[in-house]
Amino acid sequence: MDYLNRGAVKVTGIDISEKMLAMAKSQNSDPRITYIKMPMEDIGTIDGEFDVVISSLALHYVEDFQGVVANVYRLLSDGGIFLFSQEHPINTCFSGEFDRWTCDENGTKIYANIANYCVEKSYESTWFVEGIQRYHRMFSTTINTLADAGFKILRIEEPHATEEIVQKYPDYYDLYHKPDFLFVKACK
């Protein structure tokens, strides 16, 4: 609804999950909003042109990242914005073969253990359910895929905790060691 309130003529929401679409419809119902159940890999079948395409924490589940990026580029109007977040590649390279953290004698996390960052691969993980397929790509692969498709990178953010946040939520201290997410804003 926020985009409609800001002047959007129409909004299209896409998700592979019927439950997510039902929740979106219950929270944002308007005749100018269309919801489509489809995997993001199939967005190339959509007709039309969009000023903004947003993807929230989904691209690390896509095998054909290059194909999705090419389809987003095709769907965007000139000057259109592609804004997305994904798990940070520092996290997606973690295989679970060893402890995630090295801790001091008091159990305080002193650094994250990283291995095989340069090995791009698919792997299964558990997130609410077992067998979730995810894909690790290096940071450079993500950015170069966008550039190769014709995008201009406008902004990259690797959010981390501030001192104020850590004081309120001490468990977030580990975000000083590594960011959990990567945010990218690119323009056609």
Foldseek 3Di string as FASTA:
>chain_A
DVVVVVPDQAEEAEEQDPVVQVVCCVVDPDPRYHYDHDDLLPLLVDDAADQEAEEEADLQLDPPNLSSLLSNVVRYDAFGKYKYKHFALQVVQDDPPDDQFDAPPVRHGDAGDGPPSVDWDWDWDDDPHGGRIGTHDHPCVNVVSNVVSPKDWDDKDQDADDPVVCVVPVVSPRSVRDGGMMITMITD
